[in-house]
Amino acid sequence: MKVYLIGGPPKCGKTTLAKTLSKRLSIPWISADTLQNIASVYIPEEEYEKYFPHSKARSWKDNDVFYTDYTSKVIVKRYVEQWKTSYKAISMMTETYLTDKDNIIIEWFQVTPEIANEIIKKFGSENIRTIFLVKHDEKKFIEDIHKSSTPNDWIIKKTKNEWTFQKIAEMISEYSKYFEDEAKKYEFTVLSMDQDFENQIEKAISILTKE
């Protein structure tokens, strides 16, 4: 029985990896975003911003407005503050599947090195596999986004001004540095997804499934 934890900034390949690994191993996967959305309905409206600062700041804003109002550092800070709300949900999901002796993949930005470390301490490293995906090549990121075929892609759907793509790419790079620095503390594996994306997905699967 294994719980596979896949973390990293948005648009770095976490969902692609989760879906591919899910098919390969014939096990379920879930986005921590889903767990966050479930948790959010139990939060009183007056406390929503406290627990979900990034989501609250986004609210109705499209990317052009949002990335004008906030710098990359501020956006990353709010992402970091928000993941803490999802820890108990991720931990509970992990405990449920391990208790039932089942396997599951949990992915999204809420899966941070700190959360992964806490879960490993609680449930044992023999039951947990972890990896983090990042991107730093801003030019390549923008090129790839314009080629995106992802349904309802939040970047394409909510961005009209070309300069906003650069701002988003800067944020992803800034957020990637956070993940790299945190992963280094706990000696977790980090893969750059800037080049050879498909090969890197295969490399990540090999790392996660190695006994």
N, C-alpha and C. Protein backbone atom coordinates (compact mmCIF):
# COMPACT_ATOMS: atom_id res chain seq x y z
N MET A 1 0.84 -1.19 0.00
CA MET A 1 0.00 0.00 0.00
C MET A 1 0.88 1.24 0.00
N LYS A 2 0.51 2.19 -0.84
CA LYS A 2 1.31 3.39 -0.99
C LYS A 2 0.41 4.61 -1.19
N VAL A 3 0.87 5.74 -0.66
CA VAL A 3 0.27 7.03 -0.97
C VAL A 3 1.33 7.83 -1.70
N TYR A 4 1.00 8.27 -2.90
CA TYR A 4 1.93 9.04 -3.73
C TYR A 4 1.58 10.52 -3.63
N LEU A 5 2.52 11.33 -3.16
CA LEU A 5 2.31 12.76 -3.00
C LEU A 5 3.09 13.52 -4.07
N ILE A 6 2.38 14.31 -4.88
CA ILE A 6 2.99 15.06 -5.98
C ILE A 6 2.70 16.54 -5.78
N GLY A 7 3.74 17.34 -5.60
CA GLY A 7 3.55 18.76 -5.34
C GLY A 7 4.32 19.65 -6.30
N GLY A 8 4.06 20.95 -6.20
CA GLY A 8 4.73 21.93 -7.05
C GLY A 8 3.79 23.06 -7.42
N PRO A 9 4.31 24.09 -8.06
CA PRO A 9 3.47 25.22 -8.48
C PRO A 9 2.46 24.80 -9.55
N PRO A 10 1.49 25.65 -9.84
CA PRO A 10 0.54 25.37 -10.93
C PRO A 10 1.27 25.23 -12.27
N LYS A 11 0.70 24.44 -13.16
CA LYS A 11 1.16 24.31 -14.55
C LYS A 11 2.55 23.70 -14.69
N CYS A 12 2.93 22.83 -13.76
CA CYS A 12 4.24 22.19 -13.84
C CYS A 12 4.16 20.70 -14.16
N GLY A 13 2.96 20.18 -14.40
CA GLY A 13 2.83 18.79 -14.82
C GLY A 13 2.33 17.83 -13.75
N LYS A 14 1.90 18.34 -12.62
CA LYS A 14 1.46 17.48 -11.52
C LYS A 14 0.27 16.62 -11.91
N THR A 15 -0.73 17.23 -12.53
CA THR A 15 -1.93 16.49 -12.91
C THR A 15 -1.63 15.47 -14.00
N THR A 16 -0.79 15.86 -14.96
CA THR A 16 -0.39 14.92 -16.02
C THR A 16 0.30 13.71 -15.41
N LEU A 17 1.21 13.97 -14.48
CA LEU A 17 1.92 12.88 -13.80
C LEU A 17 0.94 12.01 -13.02
N ALA A 18 0.02 12.64 -12.29
CA ALA A 18 -0.94 11.88 -11.48
C ALA A 18 -1.82 11.00 -12.35
N LYS A 19 -2.32 11.55 -13.45
CA LYS A 19 -3.19 10.79 -14.35
C LYS A 19 -2.43 9.62 -14.99
N THR A 20 -1.20 9.89 -15.42
CA THR A 20 -0.39 8.85 -16.07
C THR A 20 -0.06 7.73 -15.08
N LEU A 21 0.35 8.12 -13.88
CA LEU A 21 0.67 7.13 -12.85
C LEU A 21 -0.57 6.34 -12.44
N SER A 22 -1.70 7.02 -12.37
CA SER A 22 -2.97 6.38 -12.02
C SER A 22 -3.31 5.27 -13.02
N LYS A 23 -3.17 5.58 -14.30
CA LYS A 23 -3.46 4.58 -15.34
C LYS A 23 -2.45 3.44 -15.29
N ARG A 24 -1.19 3.79 -15.08
CA ARG A 24 -0.12 2.81 -15.08
C ARG A 24 -0.28 1.80 -13.94
N LEU A 25 -0.70 2.30 -12.77
CA LEU A 25 -0.80 1.44 -11.59
C LEU A 25 -2.23 1.00 -11.29
N SER A 26 -3.18 1.54 -12.07
CA SER A 26 -4.60 1.22 -11.86
C SER A 26 -5.04 1.56 -10.44
N ILE A 27 -4.69 2.78 -10.01
CA ILE A 27 -5.10 3.26 -8.69
C ILE A 27 -5.71 4.65 -8.84
N PRO A 28 -6.53 5.09 -7.89
CA PRO A 28 -7.19 6.40 -8.00
C PRO A 28 -6.23 7.56 -7.72
N TRP A 29 -6.61 8.74 -8.20
CA TRP A 29 -5.88 9.95 -7.85
C TRP A 29 -6.88 11.05 -7.54
N ILE A 30 -6.45 12.01 -6.74
CA ILE A 30 -7.30 13.14 -6.39
C ILE A 30 -6.46 14.40 -6.30
N SER A 31 -7.04 15.50 -6.72
CA SER A 31 -6.38 16.80 -6.57
C SER A 31 -6.65 17.32 -5.16
N ALA A 32 -5.62 17.81 -4.50
CA ALA A 32 -5.81 18.42 -3.19
C ALA A 32 -6.71 19.65 -3.28
N ASP A 33 -6.83 20.19 -4.49
CA ASP A 33 -7.76 21.29 -4.71
C ASP A 33 -9.19 20.86 -4.40
N THR A 34 -9.52 19.62 -4.73
CA THR A 34 -10.85 19.08 -4.44
C THR A 34 -11.06 19.01 -2.93
N LEU A 35 -10.05 18.55 -2.21
CA LEU A 35 -10.14 18.48 -0.75
C LEU A 35 -10.29 19.89 -0.17
N GLN A 36 -9.57 20.85 -0.74
CA GLN A 36 -9.66 22.24 -0.28
C GLN A 36 -11.06 22.79 -0.52
N ASN A 37 -11.62 22.51 -1.68
CA ASN A 37 -12.97 23.01 -2.00
C ASN A 37 -14.02 22.43 -1.07
N ILE A 38 -13.85 21.17 -0.71
CA ILE A 38 -14.78 20.55 0.24
C ILE A 38 -14.65 21.23 1.61
N ALA A 39 -13.40 21.44 2.04
CA ALA A 39 -13.17 22.07 3.34
C ALA A 39 -13.72 23.50 3.38
N SER A 40 -13.64 24.20 2.24
CA SER A 40 -14.01 25.61 2.21
C SER A 40 -15.48 25.86 2.51
N VAL A 41 -16.36 24.89 2.20
CA VAL A 41 -17.80 25.11 2.43
C VAL A 41 -18.13 25.09 3.92
N TYR A 42 -17.20 24.62 4.74
CA TYR A 42 -17.44 24.59 6.19
C TYR A 42 -16.82 25.78 6.91
N ILE A 43 -16.22 26.68 6.14
CA ILE A 43 -15.59 27.86 6.72
C ILE A 43 -16.58 29.03 6.68
N PRO A 44 -16.85 29.68 7.82
CA PRO A 44 -17.74 30.84 7.83
C PRO A 44 -17.24 31.93 6.89
N GLU A 45 -18.16 32.60 6.23
CA GLU A 45 -17.78 33.60 5.22
C GLU A 45 -16.83 34.65 5.78
N GLU A 46 -17.05 35.06 7.04
CA GLU A 46 -16.21 36.11 7.63
C GLU A 46 -14.79 35.62 7.92
N GLU A 47 -14.56 34.31 7.90
CA GLU A 47 -13.23 33.76 8.16
C GLU A 47 -12.56 33.21 6.89
N TYR A 48 -13.26 33.32 5.77
CA TYR A 48 -12.77 32.71 4.53
C TYR A 48 -11.40 33.25 4.13
N GLU A 49 -11.22 34.56 4.21
CA GLU A 49 -9.95 35.16 3.80
C GLU A 49 -8.79 34.68 4.68
N LYS A 50 -9.07 34.42 5.95
CA LYS A 50 -8.03 33.96 6.87
C LYS A 50 -7.48 32.61 6.43
N TYR A 51 -8.35 31.71 5.98
CA TYR A 51 -7.94 30.35 5.63
C TYR A 51 -7.61 30.18 4.14
N PHE A 52 -8.21 31.02 3.31
CA PHE A 52 -8.01 30.89 1.87
C PHE A 52 -7.64 32.26 1.27
N PRO A 53 -6.49 32.82 1.69
CA PRO A 53 -6.11 34.16 1.23
C PRO A 53 -5.91 34.28 -0.27
N HIS A 54 -5.37 33.23 -0.90
CA HIS A 54 -5.17 33.30 -2.35
C HIS A 54 -6.50 33.27 -3.08
N SER A 55 -7.36 32.34 -2.72
CA SER A 55 -8.67 32.22 -3.37
C SER A 55 -9.49 33.49 -3.17
N LYS A 56 -9.43 34.05 -1.96
CA LYS A 56 -10.18 35.28 -1.68
C LYS A 56 -9.66 36.43 -2.53
N ALA A 57 -8.34 36.52 -2.65
CA ALA A 57 -7.75 37.61 -3.45
C ALA A 57 -8.12 37.47 -4.93
N ARG A 58 -8.17 36.21 -5.41
CA ARG A 58 -8.54 35.98 -6.81
C ARG A 58 -9.99 36.38 -7.05
N SER A 59 -10.87 35.85 -6.21
CA SER A 59 -12.30 36.15 -6.28
C SER A 59 -12.78 36.20 -7.72
N TRP A 60 -13.34 37.33 -8.12
CA TRP A 60 -13.89 37.48 -9.48
C TRP A 60 -12.84 37.94 -10.48
N LYS A 61 -11.64 38.29 -10.02
CA LYS A 61 -10.65 38.94 -10.87
C LYS A 61 -10.12 38.03 -11.97
N ASP A 62 -9.97 38.59 -13.18
CA ASP A 62 -9.27 37.84 -14.22
C ASP A 62 -7.77 38.00 -13.99
N ASN A 63 -6.96 37.29 -14.76
CA ASN A 63 -5.52 37.33 -14.54
C ASN A 63 -4.91 38.71 -14.78
N ASP A 64 -5.45 39.43 -15.75
CA ASP A 64 -4.90 40.76 -16.06
C ASP A 64 -5.01 41.70 -14.86
N VAL A 65 -6.15 41.66 -14.19
CA VAL A 65 -6.36 42.50 -13.01
C VAL A 65 -5.55 41.97 -11.83
N PHE A 66 -5.63 40.67 -11.62
CA PHE A 66 -4.97 40.06 -10.46
C PHE A 66 -3.46 40.27 -10.48
N TYR A 67 -2.84 40.06 -11.65
CA TYR A 67 -1.38 40.19 -11.75
C TYR A 67 -0.93 41.65 -11.89
N THR A 68 -1.89 42.56 -11.97
CA THR A 68 -1.59 43.99 -11.86
C THR A 68 -1.63 44.41 -10.40
N ASP A 69 -2.58 43.85 -9.67
CA ASP A 69 -2.78 44.22 -8.27
C ASP A 69 -1.71 43.64 -7.34
N TYR A 70 -1.16 42.47 -7.69
CA TYR A 70 -0.25 41.78 -6.78
C TYR A 70 1.05 41.38 -7.48
N THR A 71 2.16 41.48 -6.75
CA THR A 71 3.45 41.04 -7.27
C THR A 71 3.57 39.52 -7.14
N SER A 72 4.56 38.95 -7.82
CA SER A 72 4.80 37.51 -7.75
C SER A 72 5.06 37.06 -6.32
N LYS A 73 5.84 37.84 -5.58
CA LYS A 73 6.18 37.48 -4.20
C LYS A 73 4.94 37.44 -3.31
N VAL A 74 4.04 38.40 -3.50
CA VAL A 74 2.81 38.44 -2.71
C VAL A 74 1.92 37.25 -3.05
N ILE A 75 1.81 36.95 -4.34
CA ILE A 75 0.98 35.83 -4.77
C ILE A 75 1.51 34.51 -4.21
N VAL A 76 2.82 34.31 -4.28
CA VAL A 76 3.42 33.09 -3.74
C VAL A 76 3.19 33.02 -2.24
N LYS A 77 3.33 34.13 -1.54
CA LYS A 77 3.11 34.18 -0.10
C LYS A 77 1.69 33.73 0.24
N ARG A 78 0.72 34.16 -0.55
CA ARG A 78 -0.67 33.78 -0.28
C ARG A 78 -0.92 32.31 -0.62
N TYR A 79 -0.28 31.82 -1.66
CA TYR A 79 -0.35 30.38 -1.94
C TYR A 79 0.18 29.59 -0.75
N VAL A 80 1.34 30.02 -0.22
CA VAL A 80 1.98 29.32 0.88
C VAL A 80 1.10 29.34 2.12
N GLU A 81 0.48 30.48 2.40
CA GLU A 81 -0.40 30.59 3.56
C GLU A 81 -1.62 29.67 3.40
N GLN A 82 -2.10 29.52 2.18
CA GLN A 82 -3.33 28.77 1.96
C GLN A 82 -3.16 27.26 2.09
N TRP A 83 -1.98 26.73 1.74
CA TRP A 83 -1.83 25.27 1.79
C TRP A 83 -2.01 24.71 3.18
N LYS A 84 -1.74 25.54 4.19
CA LYS A 84 -1.83 25.06 5.57
C LYS A 84 -3.24 24.59 5.92
N THR A 85 -4.23 25.19 5.28
CA THR A 85 -5.63 24.83 5.54
C THR A 85 -5.93 23.41 5.08
N SER A 86 -5.18 22.91 4.12
CA SER A 86 -5.48 21.61 3.53
C SER A 86 -4.74 20.45 4.20
N TYR A 87 -3.84 20.75 5.15
CA TYR A 87 -3.02 19.69 5.73
C TYR A 87 -3.86 18.57 6.34
N LYS A 88 -4.84 18.93 7.18
CA LYS A 88 -5.64 17.90 7.86
C LYS A 88 -6.41 17.04 6.87
N ALA A 89 -6.92 17.68 5.80
CA ALA A 89 -7.67 16.92 4.79
C ALA A 89 -6.76 15.93 4.07
N ILE A 90 -5.54 16.38 3.72
CA ILE A 90 -4.58 15.49 3.04
C ILE A 90 -4.16 14.36 3.99
N SER A 91 -3.92 14.70 5.24
CA SER A 91 -3.53 13.71 6.23
C SER A 91 -4.64 12.69 6.44
N MET A 92 -5.89 13.16 6.50
CA MET A 92 -7.02 12.26 6.70
C MET A 92 -7.21 11.33 5.51
N MET A 93 -7.05 11.87 4.30
CA MET A 93 -7.15 11.06 3.09
C MET A 93 -6.07 9.98 3.09
N THR A 94 -4.86 10.36 3.48
CA THR A 94 -3.75 9.41 3.57
C THR A 94 -4.07 8.30 4.57
N GLU A 95 -4.52 8.69 5.76
CA GLU A 95 -4.83 7.72 6.80
C GLU A 95 -5.95 6.77 6.38
N THR A 96 -6.97 7.30 5.72
CA THR A 96 -8.10 6.48 5.28
C THR A 96 -7.64 5.39 4.32
N TYR A 97 -6.82 5.77 3.34
CA TYR A 97 -6.39 4.79 2.34
C TYR A 97 -5.40 3.78 2.93
N LEU A 98 -4.52 4.24 3.80
CA LEU A 98 -3.57 3.31 4.39
C LEU A 98 -4.27 2.34 5.35
N THR A 99 -5.25 2.84 6.08
CA THR A 99 -6.01 1.98 6.98
C THR A 99 -6.74 0.89 6.21
N ASP A 100 -7.28 1.28 5.04
CA ASP A 100 -7.99 0.32 4.20
C ASP A 100 -7.06 -0.50 3.33
N LYS A 101 -5.74 -0.26 3.50
CA LYS A 101 -4.71 -0.96 2.72
C LYS A 101 -4.90 -0.75 1.21
N ASP A 102 -5.21 0.48 0.86
CA ASP A 102 -5.38 0.87 -0.53
C ASP A 102 -4.31 1.87 -0.93
N ASN A 103 -4.21 2.12 -2.23
CA ASN A 103 -3.25 3.08 -2.77
C ASN A 103 -3.99 4.29 -3.33
N ILE A 104 -3.36 5.45 -3.27
CA ILE A 104 -3.94 6.66 -3.86
C ILE A 104 -2.83 7.65 -4.20
N ILE A 105 -3.12 8.51 -5.18
CA ILE A 105 -2.22 9.59 -5.57
C ILE A 105 -2.89 10.90 -5.20
N ILE A 106 -2.17 11.77 -4.48
CA ILE A 106 -2.68 13.09 -4.11
C ILE A 106 -1.74 14.14 -4.70
N GLU A 107 -2.30 15.08 -5.45
CA GLU A 107 -1.45 16.08 -6.11
C GLU A 107 -2.06 17.48 -6.01
N TRP A 108 -1.24 18.45 -6.21
CA TRP A 108 -1.55 19.88 -6.37
C TRP A 108 -0.65 20.69 -5.48
N PHE A 109 -0.79 22.04 -5.53
CA PHE A 109 0.17 22.90 -4.83
C PHE A 109 0.08 22.77 -3.31
N GLN A 110 -1.05 22.28 -2.81
CA GLN A 110 -1.18 22.10 -1.36
C GLN A 110 -0.27 21.02 -0.82
N VAL A 111 0.21 20.15 -1.70
CA VAL A 111 1.17 19.11 -1.29
C VAL A 111 2.56 19.75 -1.27
N THR A 112 2.96 20.23 -0.12
CA THR A 112 4.24 20.91 0.03
C THR A 112 5.25 19.98 0.70
N PRO A 113 6.54 20.31 0.63
CA PRO A 113 7.53 19.49 1.33
C PRO A 113 7.26 19.38 2.83
N GLU A 114 6.79 20.47 3.44
CA GLU A 114 6.51 20.44 4.87
C GLU A 114 5.37 19.46 5.19
N ILE A 115 4.30 19.52 4.38
CA ILE A 115 3.20 18.59 4.57
C ILE A 115 3.66 17.15 4.34
N ALA A 116 4.42 16.93 3.29
CA ALA A 116 4.92 15.58 2.98
C ALA A 116 5.77 15.06 4.14
N ASN A 117 6.59 15.91 4.70
CA ASN A 117 7.44 15.50 5.81
C ASN A 117 6.60 15.11 7.03
N GLU A 118 5.57 15.90 7.32
CA GLU A 118 4.70 15.60 8.46
C GLU A 118 3.96 14.28 8.24
N ILE A 119 3.52 14.04 7.03
CA ILE A 119 2.79 12.81 6.73
C ILE A 119 3.72 11.60 6.81
N ILE A 120 4.94 11.75 6.35
CA ILE A 120 5.92 10.66 6.45
C ILE A 120 6.23 10.34 7.91
N LYS A 121 6.37 11.39 8.73
CA LYS A 121 6.63 11.16 10.15
C LYS A 121 5.46 10.43 10.81
N LYS A 122 4.26 10.74 10.36
CA LYS A 122 3.06 10.16 10.96
C LYS A 122 2.78 8.74 10.49
N PHE A 123 3.01 8.48 9.18
CA PHE A 123 2.60 7.19 8.62
C PHE A 123 3.75 6.30 8.16
N GLY A 124 4.98 6.84 8.17
CA GLY A 124 6.12 6.01 7.81
C GLY A 124 6.56 6.17 6.37
N SER A 125 7.85 6.28 6.16
CA SER A 125 8.39 6.49 4.82
C SER A 125 8.15 5.31 3.90
N GLU A 126 7.96 4.11 4.48
CA GLU A 126 7.71 2.93 3.65
C GLU A 126 6.36 2.99 2.95
N ASN A 127 5.47 3.86 3.45
CA ASN A 127 4.13 3.95 2.87
C ASN A 127 3.92 5.18 1.98
N ILE A 128 4.91 6.07 1.95
CA ILE A 128 4.74 7.34 1.25
C ILE A 128 5.81 7.51 0.17
N ARG A 129 5.39 7.95 -1.01
CA ARG A 129 6.32 8.30 -2.09
C ARG A 129 6.04 9.75 -2.47
N THR A 130 7.10 10.54 -2.60
CA THR A 130 6.93 11.98 -2.81
C THR A 130 7.84 12.50 -3.91
N ILE A 131 7.32 13.46 -4.69
CA ILE A 131 8.14 14.15 -5.67
C ILE A 131 7.56 15.54 -5.92
N PHE A 132 8.42 16.47 -6.31
CA PHE A 132 7.99 17.84 -6.58
C PHE A 132 8.45 18.27 -7.97
N LEU A 133 7.55 18.91 -8.71
CA LEU A 133 7.83 19.35 -10.08
C LEU A 133 7.87 20.87 -10.15
N VAL A 134 8.85 21.41 -10.87
CA VAL A 134 9.02 22.87 -10.95
C VAL A 134 9.34 23.31 -12.38
N LYS A 135 9.24 24.62 -12.59
CA LYS A 135 9.62 25.23 -13.87
C LYS A 135 10.26 26.59 -13.60
N HIS A 136 11.31 26.90 -14.39
CA HIS A 136 11.98 28.20 -14.27
C HIS A 136 12.12 28.93 -15.61
N ASP A 137 12.04 28.21 -16.71
CA ASP A 137 12.24 28.81 -18.03
C ASP A 137 10.98 29.58 -18.43
N GLU A 138 11.00 30.88 -18.19
CA GLU A 138 9.80 31.71 -18.40
C GLU A 138 9.39 31.78 -19.87
N LYS A 139 10.37 31.90 -20.75
CA LYS A 139 10.08 31.97 -22.19
C LYS A 139 9.42 30.69 -22.67
N LYS A 140 9.96 29.55 -22.25
CA LYS A 140 9.40 28.25 -22.65
C LYS A 140 8.00 28.08 -22.06
N PHE A 141 7.82 28.54 -20.83
CA PHE A 141 6.52 28.44 -20.17
C PHE A 141 5.45 29.18 -20.98
N ILE A 142 5.78 30.38 -21.42
CA ILE A 142 4.82 31.18 -22.20
C ILE A 142 4.51 30.51 -23.54
N GLU A 143 5.55 30.00 -24.19
CA GLU A 143 5.36 29.29 -25.46
C GLU A 143 4.43 28.09 -25.28
N ASP A 144 4.65 27.34 -24.22
CA ASP A 144 3.84 26.14 -23.97
C ASP A 144 2.40 26.49 -23.63
N ILE A 145 2.21 27.56 -22.88
CA ILE A 145 0.85 27.97 -22.51
C ILE A 145 0.03 28.31 -23.75
N HIS A 146 0.65 28.97 -24.71
CA HIS A 146 -0.06 29.34 -25.94
C HIS A 146 -0.42 28.11 -26.78
N LYS A 147 0.25 27.00 -26.51
CA LYS A 147 -0.06 25.76 -27.22
C LYS A 147 -1.00 24.85 -26.42
N SER A 148 -1.39 25.30 -25.25
CA SER A 148 -2.16 24.47 -24.33
C SER A 148 -3.49 24.00 -24.94
N SER A 149 -3.77 22.72 -24.72
CA SER A 149 -5.04 22.15 -25.16
C SER A 149 -5.87 21.71 -23.95
N THR A 150 -5.45 22.14 -22.76
CA THR A 150 -6.17 21.80 -21.54
C THR A 150 -7.54 22.46 -21.52
N PRO A 151 -8.60 21.69 -21.33
CA PRO A 151 -9.95 22.27 -21.27
C PRO A 151 -10.06 23.27 -20.12
N ASN A 152 -10.63 24.44 -20.42
CA ASN A 152 -10.83 25.48 -19.40
C ASN A 152 -9.54 25.88 -18.69
N ASP A 153 -8.45 25.91 -19.43
CA ASP A 153 -7.17 26.33 -18.86
C ASP A 153 -7.32 27.70 -18.21
N TRP A 154 -7.01 27.79 -16.90
CA TRP A 154 -7.26 29.03 -16.17
C TRP A 154 -6.40 30.19 -16.66
N ILE A 155 -5.26 29.89 -17.27
CA ILE A 155 -4.41 30.97 -17.79
C ILE A 155 -4.98 31.50 -19.10
N ILE A 156 -5.26 30.61 -20.03
CA ILE A 156 -5.79 31.02 -21.33
C ILE A 156 -7.17 31.68 -21.18
N LYS A 157 -8.01 31.06 -20.36
CA LYS A 157 -9.40 31.51 -20.21
C LYS A 157 -9.50 32.90 -19.59
N LYS A 158 -8.58 33.23 -18.66
CA LYS A 158 -8.72 34.47 -17.90
C LYS A 158 -7.63 35.49 -18.21
N THR A 159 -6.95 35.34 -19.35
CA THR A 159 -5.89 36.27 -19.71
C THR A 159 -6.12 36.85 -21.10
N LYS A 160 -6.10 38.16 -21.19
CA LYS A 160 -6.26 38.83 -22.49
C LYS A 160 -5.00 39.60 -22.89
N ASN A 161 -4.34 40.19 -21.92
CA ASN A 161 -3.16 40.99 -22.21
C ASN A 161 -1.89 40.14 -22.23
N GLU A 162 -1.10 40.31 -23.27
CA GLU A 162 0.08 39.47 -23.46
C GLU A 162 1.07 39.61 -22.31
N TRP A 163 1.20 40.81 -21.75
CA TRP A 163 2.18 41.01 -20.69
C TRP A 163 1.85 40.20 -19.44
N THR A 164 0.58 39.84 -19.28
CA THR A 164 0.18 39.07 -18.11
C THR A 164 0.80 37.67 -18.12
N PHE A 165 0.98 37.11 -19.32
CA PHE A 165 1.61 35.79 -19.41
C PHE A 165 3.01 35.82 -18.80
N GLN A 166 3.73 36.92 -19.04
CA GLN A 166 5.07 37.06 -18.47
C GLN A 166 5.00 37.13 -16.95
N LYS A 167 4.01 37.86 -16.43
CA LYS A 167 3.84 37.97 -14.99
C LYS A 167 3.54 36.61 -14.37
N ILE A 168 2.71 35.83 -15.03
CA ILE A 168 2.39 34.49 -14.53
C ILE A 168 3.63 33.60 -14.55
N ALA A 169 4.40 33.69 -15.63
CA ALA A 169 5.63 32.90 -15.73
C ALA A 169 6.61 33.26 -14.62
N GLU A 170 6.70 34.54 -14.30
CA GLU A 170 7.57 34.99 -13.22
C GLU A 170 7.11 34.42 -11.87
N MET A 171 5.80 34.39 -11.69
CA MET A 171 5.26 33.84 -10.44
C MET A 171 5.57 32.36 -10.32
N ILE A 172 5.41 31.62 -11.41
CA ILE A 172 5.69 30.18 -11.40
C ILE A 172 7.16 29.93 -11.05
N SER A 173 8.05 30.72 -11.61
CA SER A 173 9.47 30.58 -11.32
C SER A 173 9.77 30.91 -9.86
N GLU A 174 9.16 31.97 -9.37
CA GLU A 174 9.32 32.36 -7.96
C GLU A 174 8.81 31.26 -7.03
N TYR A 175 7.65 30.72 -7.37
CA TYR A 175 7.04 29.66 -6.56
C TYR A 175 7.87 28.38 -6.63
N SER A 176 8.46 28.12 -7.78
CA SER A 176 9.33 26.95 -7.95
C SER A 176 10.53 27.02 -7.00
N LYS A 177 11.07 28.22 -6.83
CA LYS A 177 12.21 28.38 -5.92
C LYS A 177 11.79 28.05 -4.50
N TYR A 178 10.58 28.43 -4.12
CA TYR A 178 10.07 28.08 -2.79
C TYR A 178 10.05 26.56 -2.62
N PHE A 179 9.51 25.86 -3.59
CA PHE A 179 9.43 24.40 -3.50
C PHE A 179 10.82 23.77 -3.46
N GLU A 180 11.73 24.29 -4.27
CA GLU A 180 13.09 23.75 -4.28
C GLU A 180 13.78 23.94 -2.93
N ASP A 181 13.65 25.13 -2.37
CA ASP A 181 14.29 25.42 -1.08
C ASP A 181 13.70 24.54 0.03
N GLU A 182 12.38 24.39 0.02
CA GLU A 182 11.73 23.58 1.05
C GLU A 182 12.05 22.09 0.87
N ALA A 183 12.06 21.62 -0.36
CA ALA A 183 12.36 20.21 -0.63
C ALA A 183 13.78 19.87 -0.19
N LYS A 184 14.69 20.81 -0.35
CA LYS A 184 16.09 20.59 0.04
C LYS A 184 16.20 20.34 1.54
N LYS A 185 15.37 21.02 2.33
CA LYS A 185 15.39 20.85 3.79
C LYS A 185 15.11 19.40 4.18
N TYR A 186 14.20 18.78 3.43
CA TYR A 186 13.75 17.43 3.79
C TYR A 186 14.32 16.35 2.87
N GLU A 187 15.21 16.76 1.98
CA GLU A 187 15.89 15.83 1.06
C GLU A 187 14.90 15.10 0.15
N PHE A 188 13.92 15.85 -0.37
CA PHE A 188 12.96 15.31 -1.32
C PHE A 188 13.44 15.57 -2.74
N THR A 189 13.01 14.74 -3.66
CA THR A 189 13.39 14.87 -5.06
C THR A 189 12.59 15.97 -5.75
N VAL A 190 13.29 16.79 -6.52
CA VAL A 190 12.65 17.85 -7.32
C VAL A 190 13.07 17.64 -8.78
N LEU A 191 12.10 17.68 -9.69
CA LEU A 191 12.39 17.55 -11.11
C LEU A 191 12.01 18.83 -11.84
N SER A 192 12.91 19.32 -12.70
CA SER A 192 12.58 20.44 -13.57
C SER A 192 11.81 19.93 -14.78
N MET A 193 10.69 20.59 -15.08
CA MET A 193 9.85 20.17 -16.19
C MET A 193 9.96 21.13 -17.38
N ASP A 194 11.02 21.94 -17.39
CA ASP A 194 11.19 22.93 -18.46
C ASP A 194 11.42 22.29 -19.82
N GLN A 195 12.19 21.22 -19.84
CA GLN A 195 12.54 20.57 -21.11
C GLN A 195 12.19 19.07 -21.05
N ASP A 196 12.01 18.49 -22.25
CA ASP A 196 11.75 17.04 -22.34
C ASP A 196 10.64 16.60 -21.39
N PHE A 197 9.51 17.30 -21.49
CA PHE A 197 8.41 17.09 -20.55
C PHE A 197 8.00 15.62 -20.43
N GLU A 198 7.78 14.96 -21.55
CA GLU A 198 7.32 13.57 -21.51
C GLU A 198 8.35 12.65 -20.87
N ASN A 199 9.62 12.89 -21.19
CA ASN A 199 10.68 12.07 -20.59
C ASN A 199 10.78 12.31 -19.08
N GLN A 200 10.55 13.56 -18.68
CA GLN A 200 10.58 13.88 -17.25
C GLN A 200 9.41 13.24 -16.51
N ILE A 201 8.27 13.14 -17.17
CA ILE A 201 7.13 12.43 -16.57
C ILE A 201 7.50 10.97 -16.33
N GLU A 202 8.14 10.36 -17.32
CA GLU A 202 8.56 8.96 -17.18
C GLU A 202 9.60 8.81 -16.07
N LYS A 203 10.50 9.78 -15.97
CA LYS A 203 11.52 9.76 -14.93
C LYS A 203 10.86 9.85 -13.56
N ALA A 204 9.85 10.74 -13.45
CA ALA A 204 9.14 10.90 -12.18
C ALA A 204 8.44 9.61 -11.78
N ILE A 205 7.82 8.93 -12.74
CA ILE A 205 7.14 7.66 -12.47
C ILE A 205 8.15 6.62 -11.98
N SER A 206 9.31 6.59 -12.63
CA SER A 206 10.35 5.65 -12.23
C SER A 206 10.80 5.91 -10.79
N ILE A 207 10.95 7.16 -10.43
CA ILE A 207 11.37 7.53 -9.07
C ILE A 207 10.30 7.14 -8.06
N LEU A 208 9.05 7.42 -8.39
CA LEU A 208 7.96 7.15 -7.45
C LEU A 208 7.70 5.67 -7.24
N THR A 209 7.96 4.87 -8.24
CA THR A 209 7.63 3.44 -8.16
C THR A 209 8.84 2.56 -7.82
N LYS A 210 10.00 3.18 -7.68
CA LYS A 210 11.20 2.40 -7.36
C LYS A 210 11.12 1.86 -5.94
N GLU A 211 11.39 0.58 -5.80
CA GLU A 211 11.36 -0.04 -4.47
C GLU A 211 12.76 -0.08 -3.86
